[in-house]
Amino acid sequence: MNRRFLIVVVIYECTLDDSITFQRLLSLKQKTSLFPQILIYDNSLTSQYSGKYLQSIAFYKHNPANGGVAEAYNYALYIGKGEQKEWLVLFDQDTNISNDYFTELEKSIQMYPEQKLFCPIVRSTNKIVSPAYYIAEKAIRLQNAKTGILSCKYYSIINSGLTIQLLEMEKLGGYDRDLPLDFSDHYFFIKYKKRNKHFVVINCENLHSLSADTDEIFEVVYNRFKKFCVSSIIYSNKVHSGLPLVWLSTRAFKLTFKFLRIEFLKFIFVRK
C-alpha cells in the first residue's frame, strides 16, 4: 500500500490494546514500509490514547460528545483532503482484517480504475452481513457473495472495511450526522447509488462483530434498542417510507420473546 490512502478507525470505550482492528493493522503494517497513515477517532468519554503507539498513529481525535461513526468518517474526510489523500479506508474497532485485504484492495482498484467504492465480504458469527441484498428497506443476508463489479441497485453494505474515493465522498456530502450509527451505512450507500451504478466487492473476507448478533445482556440490548428506535424514525423520514418502522416493530417483538420482557414493545408503542 502507499500514501494515497488514509485509514480511519473509530473506537468507543475500547482501549487500543483491545481494538481488534487496530491490532490487526499494526500486524499488517509490520509487513510493509509503505503502509497507509492511520487516524484514530475516539468517541470514548475518557481518552483511550496510549503514548506507546505514538509512531503508529498519524492522527488522533478525541470526541467525548460521541458523534458516532458519521462524525468520525466526516472528520477523516476533512483530514484526508488536507493531506491530499485519494482514498479513505473506513473501520470500526472490532473488525478482524484479512491478511490479504490491502493486497486485494489494490488489485481491485487497478482492475477497476473507474470505480469509486470498494468493500470486502464481511462475516459475523459465520454469516455474511456485507454485502447484502437491500429490498423494501431491509437487509437480507446472502448465502454466497459474488466478488468483482456489482450493480448497486439491489445491494447495501456496512461501513467497516469500506474504501471510498475521497473526492466522491466529498461530492456525496459525507455521512449524514442525523444518523450517527444505525442506518449510517445504508443511507450513505443510497446517496452513492444516486451518482453511481456500480461498486466492487474485493476478493477477501473480514470478520466483524455486530452487537445485534452477540449481546445477551438485557440492559445493554434495551439501551441499544432505544437508540435504534430513534434512528429508525429519522431514517424512515429521510427515505420517505414507513417500512423501516415495520421492521422496527418486528425487531421489538423478537426481542420481547427473546428476553420475555415487555419493555421493547412499550418503548415503541407507549412512548410519550
Protein backbone atom coordinates (compact mmCIF):
# COMPACT_ATOMS: atom_id res chain seq x y z
CA MET A 1 0.00 0.00 0.00
CA ASN A 2 1.11 3.58 -0.48
CA ARG A 3 0.48 7.03 0.90
CA ARG A 4 -2.59 7.68 -1.26
CA PHE A 5 -4.74 6.08 1.45
CA LEU A 6 -5.88 7.20 4.87
CA ILE A 7 -7.23 4.58 7.29
CA VAL A 8 -9.68 5.69 9.97
CA VAL A 9 -10.56 3.52 12.97
CA VAL A 10 -13.43 4.60 15.21
CA ILE A 11 -13.27 3.41 18.81
CA TYR A 12 -15.73 3.73 21.68
CA GLU A 13 -14.90 2.77 25.27
CA CYS A 14 -12.26 0.41 23.92
CA THR A 15 -8.53 0.66 24.52
CA LEU A 16 -6.19 0.49 21.56
CA ASP A 17 -4.79 -2.70 23.08
CA ASP A 18 -8.26 -4.24 22.93
CA SER A 19 -9.24 -2.98 19.49
CA ILE A 20 -9.10 -5.97 17.15
CA THR A 21 -8.99 -3.65 14.15
CA PHE A 22 -6.10 -1.54 15.39
CA GLN A 23 -4.04 -4.55 16.47
CA ARG A 24 -4.57 -6.21 13.09
CA LEU A 25 -3.47 -3.01 11.35
CA LEU A 26 -0.29 -2.95 13.44
CA SER A 27 0.40 -6.54 12.45
CA LEU A 28 -0.14 -5.83 8.77
CA LYS A 29 1.92 -2.64 8.97
CA GLN A 30 4.99 -4.61 10.03
CA LYS A 31 4.96 -6.41 6.68
CA THR A 32 5.46 -3.32 4.51
CA SER A 33 7.26 0.00 4.59
CA LEU A 34 4.55 1.77 2.58
CA PHE A 35 1.57 1.26 4.86
CA PRO A 36 -1.12 3.98 4.86
CA GLN A 37 -1.35 6.50 7.66
CA ILE A 38 -3.81 5.72 10.46
CA LEU A 39 -6.30 8.10 12.05
CA ILE A 40 -7.84 7.07 15.37
CA TYR A 41 -11.17 8.74 16.13
CA ASP A 42 -12.00 8.18 19.79
CA ASN A 43 -15.64 8.58 20.86
CA SER A 44 -14.95 7.41 24.41
CA LEU A 45 -15.84 9.57 27.39
CA THR A 46 -12.22 9.32 28.56
CA SER A 47 -9.39 9.31 26.02
CA GLN A 48 -8.07 5.87 25.13
CA TYR A 49 -4.86 7.21 23.60
CA SER A 50 -1.64 5.47 24.57
CA GLY A 51 1.80 7.02 24.07
CA LYS A 52 3.29 3.65 23.19
CA TYR A 53 1.54 3.88 19.83
CA LEU A 54 2.92 7.33 19.03
CA GLN A 55 4.85 6.08 16.00
CA SER A 56 1.90 4.07 14.66
CA ILE A 57 -0.81 6.73 14.74
CA ALA A 58 -0.54 9.65 12.33
CA PHE A 59 -3.67 11.44 13.59
CA TYR A 60 -5.74 11.20 16.75
CA LYS A 61 -9.04 12.89 17.57
CA HIS A 62 -10.90 12.59 20.88
CA ASN A 63 -14.60 13.45 20.87
CA PRO A 64 -16.20 12.69 24.27
CA ALA A 65 -19.52 14.04 22.93
CA ASN A 66 -19.64 10.89 20.76
CA GLY A 67 -20.94 11.87 17.34
CA GLY A 68 -20.94 8.25 16.24
CA VAL A 69 -19.24 6.92 13.13
CA ALA A 70 -20.85 9.56 10.91
CA GLU A 71 -18.98 12.44 12.51
CA ALA A 72 -15.81 10.36 12.67
CA TYR A 73 -15.83 9.49 8.98
CA ASN A 74 -16.57 13.09 8.05
CA TYR A 75 -13.61 14.18 10.15
CA ALA A 76 -11.48 11.65 8.27
CA LEU A 77 -12.69 13.23 5.03
CA TYR A 78 -11.53 16.61 6.33
CA ILE A 79 -8.10 15.27 7.31
CA GLY A 80 -7.74 13.27 4.11
CA LYS A 81 -8.49 16.29 1.99
CA GLY A 82 -5.91 18.35 3.86
CA GLU A 83 -3.34 15.59 3.42
CA GLN A 84 -4.19 15.24 -0.28
CA LYS A 85 -5.23 11.60 0.02
CA GLU A 86 -7.12 9.83 -2.76
CA TRP A 87 -8.86 7.11 -0.76
CA LEU A 88 -10.40 6.68 2.70
CA VAL A 89 -10.50 3.24 4.31
CA LEU A 90 -13.19 3.05 7.00
CA PHE A 91 -13.14 0.76 10.03
CA ASP A 92 -14.69 0.46 13.44
CA GLN A 93 -12.94 -1.07 16.44
CA ASP A 94 -13.75 -4.77 16.16
CA THR A 95 -13.04 -5.97 12.62
CA ASN A 96 -10.60 -8.82 12.14
CA ILE A 97 -8.96 -7.71 8.91
CA SER A 98 -7.93 -10.41 6.46
CA ASN A 99 -4.20 -10.76 5.75
CA ASP A 100 -4.82 -10.10 2.06
CA TYR A 101 -7.30 -7.24 2.46
CA PHE A 102 -4.98 -4.44 1.32
CA THR A 103 -3.36 -6.55 -1.40
CA GLU A 104 -6.74 -7.45 -2.85
CA LEU A 105 -7.92 -3.85 -2.47
CA GLU A 106 -5.05 -2.55 -4.57
CA LYS A 107 -5.60 -5.28 -7.18
CA SER A 108 -9.27 -4.33 -7.45
CA ILE A 109 -8.53 -0.61 -7.76
CA GLN A 110 -6.07 -1.37 -10.56
CA MET A 111 -8.55 -3.71 -12.24
CA TYR A 112 -11.47 -1.27 -12.00
CA PRO A 113 -9.85 2.20 -12.07
CA GLU A 114 -13.16 3.88 -12.95
CA GLN A 115 -14.90 2.62 -9.79
CA LYS A 116 -15.12 4.71 -6.63
CA LEU A 117 -16.24 2.37 -3.85
CA PHE A 118 -14.73 -0.96 -2.80
CA CYS A 119 -15.67 -3.29 0.03
CA PRO A 120 -14.74 -6.77 1.29
CA ILE A 121 -17.05 -9.64 2.10
CA VAL A 122 -17.80 -9.33 5.81
CA ARG A 123 -18.92 -12.15 8.08
CA SER A 124 -20.36 -12.05 11.59
CA THR A 125 -20.97 -15.28 13.52
CA ASN A 126 -20.09 -17.08 10.29
CA LYS A 127 -22.87 -15.35 8.33
CA ILE A 128 -22.34 -12.89 5.51
CA VAL A 129 -23.51 -9.45 6.63
CA SER A 130 -21.99 -7.41 3.81
CA PRO A 131 -22.75 -7.05 1.02
CA ALA A 132 -26.43 -7.82 1.49
CA TYR A 133 -29.50 -7.58 -0.65
CA TYR A 134 -31.41 -4.45 0.32
CA ILE A 135 -35.06 -4.77 -0.56
CA ALA A 136 -38.01 -2.89 0.93
CA GLU A 137 -35.63 -1.01 3.27
CA LYS A 138 -34.38 -4.25 4.80
CA ALA A 139 -31.01 -6.00 4.56
CA ILE A 140 -31.33 -9.66 3.54
CA ARG A 141 -28.24 -11.73 4.18
CA LEU A 142 -26.64 -13.63 1.32
CA GLN A 143 -25.70 -17.30 1.38
CA ASN A 144 -22.86 -16.61 -1.03
CA ALA A 145 -21.36 -13.31 -2.11
CA LYS A 146 -20.04 -12.52 -5.55
CA THR A 147 -16.79 -10.63 -5.97
CA GLY A 148 -15.89 -8.11 -8.63
CA ILE A 149 -18.01 -5.32 -10.02
CA LEU A 150 -21.68 -5.40 -8.98
CA SER A 151 -24.74 -3.28 -9.65
CA CYS A 152 -25.67 -1.03 -6.75
CA LYS A 153 -29.38 -1.44 -7.38
CA TYR A 154 -30.28 -4.31 -5.04
CA TYR A 155 -27.40 -4.18 -2.55
CA SER A 156 -26.24 -2.40 0.55
CA ILE A 157 -23.05 -2.67 2.57
CA ILE A 158 -21.77 -1.96 6.08
CA ASN A 159 -19.24 0.71 6.95
CA SER A 160 -16.34 -1.31 8.31
CA GLY A 161 -13.91 -2.20 5.54
CA LEU A 162 -15.43 0.19 3.03
CA THR A 163 -12.95 2.10 0.86
CA ILE A 164 -14.26 5.22 -0.86
CA GLN A 165 -12.62 7.65 -3.24
CA LEU A 166 -12.15 10.83 -1.22
CA LEU A 167 -13.34 13.13 -3.98
CA GLU A 168 -16.52 11.07 -4.41
CA MET A 169 -17.23 11.08 -0.68
CA GLU A 170 -16.89 14.86 -0.71
CA LYS A 171 -19.34 15.13 -3.61
CA LEU A 172 -21.80 12.97 -1.67
CA GLY A 173 -21.61 15.38 1.24
CA GLY A 174 -20.06 12.78 3.53
CA TYR A 175 -22.08 10.90 6.12
CA ASP A 176 -25.38 12.24 7.45
CA ARG A 177 -24.90 13.43 11.04
CA ASP A 178 -28.58 12.80 11.76
CA LEU A 179 -27.73 9.09 11.60
CA PRO A 180 -24.65 8.77 13.81
CA LEU A 181 -24.60 4.96 13.88
CA ASP A 182 -27.62 2.88 12.85
CA PHE A 183 -28.53 3.23 9.17
CA SER A 184 -25.48 5.44 8.57
CA ASP A 185 -24.09 2.92 6.09
CA HIS A 186 -27.38 2.22 4.30
CA TYR A 187 -28.16 5.92 3.87
CA PHE A 188 -24.63 6.68 2.69
CA PHE A 189 -24.94 3.92 0.09
CA ILE A 190 -28.32 5.29 -1.00
CA LYS A 191 -26.61 8.61 -1.70
CA TYR A 192 -23.82 6.77 -3.52
CA LYS A 193 -26.37 4.95 -5.72
CA LYS A 194 -27.79 8.23 -6.93
CA ARG A 195 -24.46 9.09 -8.54
CA ASN A 196 -23.04 5.66 -9.32
CA LYS A 197 -24.33 2.44 -10.88
CA HIS A 198 -21.67 0.03 -9.62
CA PHE A 199 -19.39 -0.84 -6.73
CA VAL A 200 -16.71 -3.50 -6.27
CA VAL A 201 -16.54 -6.41 -3.82
CA ILE A 202 -12.90 -7.35 -3.32
CA ASN A 203 -11.81 -10.97 -3.10
CA CYS A 204 -11.29 -11.32 0.66
CA GLU A 205 -13.30 -11.81 3.84
CA ASN A 206 -13.13 -9.78 7.04
CA LEU A 207 -14.63 -10.98 10.30
CA HIS A 208 -16.73 -8.47 12.17
CA SER A 209 -18.61 -8.37 15.45
CA LEU A 210 -22.15 -7.00 15.28
CA SER A 211 -23.65 -6.10 18.64
CA ALA A 212 -27.07 -7.30 17.46
CA ASP A 213 -25.58 -10.76 16.95
CA THR A 214 -23.62 -11.04 20.18
CA ASP A 215 -25.24 -9.08 23.02
CA GLU A 216 -27.18 -11.16 25.54
CA ILE A 217 -27.50 -8.75 28.47
CA PHE A 218 -30.96 -7.19 28.67
CA GLU A 219 -29.83 -3.72 29.84
CA VAL A 220 -27.25 -3.49 27.05
CA VAL A 221 -29.67 -4.67 24.37
CA TYR A 222 -32.50 -2.45 25.61
CA ASN A 223 -30.38 0.71 25.66
CA ARG A 224 -29.11 -0.16 22.19
CA PHE A 225 -32.68 -0.75 21.01
CA LYS A 226 -33.81 2.69 22.18
CA LYS A 227 -31.11 4.35 20.07
CA PHE A 228 -32.00 2.11 17.15
CA CYS A 229 -35.63 3.17 17.52
CA VAL A 230 -34.76 6.86 17.26
CA SER A 231 -32.57 6.23 14.20
CA SER A 232 -35.31 4.14 12.57
CA ILE A 233 -37.72 7.06 12.78
CA ILE A 234 -35.17 9.50 11.35
CA TYR A 235 -34.22 7.09 8.57
CA SER A 236 -37.88 6.44 7.76
CA ASN A 237 -38.42 10.17 7.29
CA LYS A 238 -35.34 10.54 5.11
CA VAL A 239 -36.27 7.73 2.73
CA HIS A 240 -39.98 8.67 2.81
CA SER A 241 -41.06 5.16 3.68
CA GLY A 242 -42.87 3.56 6.59
CA LEU A 243 -41.13 0.22 6.02
CA PRO A 244 -38.27 0.89 8.48
CA LEU A 245 -40.92 1.30 11.20
CA VAL A 246 -42.48 -2.02 10.22
CA TRP A 247 -39.09 -3.74 10.63
CA LEU A 248 -38.60 -1.86 13.91
CA SER A 249 -41.83 -3.35 15.23
CA THR A 250 -40.72 -6.79 14.09
CA ARG A 251 -37.45 -6.39 15.96
CA ALA A 252 -39.31 -5.28 19.08
CA PHE A 253 -41.46 -8.41 19.01
CA LYS A 254 -38.43 -10.67 18.52
CA LEU A 255 -36.58 -9.09 21.43
CA THR A 256 -39.69 -9.30 23.59
CA PHE A 257 -39.86 -13.06 23.05
CA LYS A 258 -36.09 -13.47 23.39
CA PHE A 259 -35.88 -11.78 26.79
CA LEU A 260 -39.50 -12.30 27.87
CA ARG A 261 -39.63 -8.59 28.71
CA ILE A 262 -42.33 -6.15 27.59
CA GLU A 263 -40.11 -3.03 27.61
CA PHE A 264 -39.27 -3.22 23.91
CA LEU A 265 -42.90 -3.06 22.84
CA LYS A 266 -43.75 -0.45 25.43
CA PHE A 267 -40.96 1.80 24.17
CA ILE A 268 -42.25 1.95 20.60
CA PHE A 269 -45.97 1.81 21.25
CA VAL A 270 -46.37 3.72 24.52
CA ARG A 271 -43.70 6.39 24.06
CA LYS A 272 -44.77 9.88 25.05
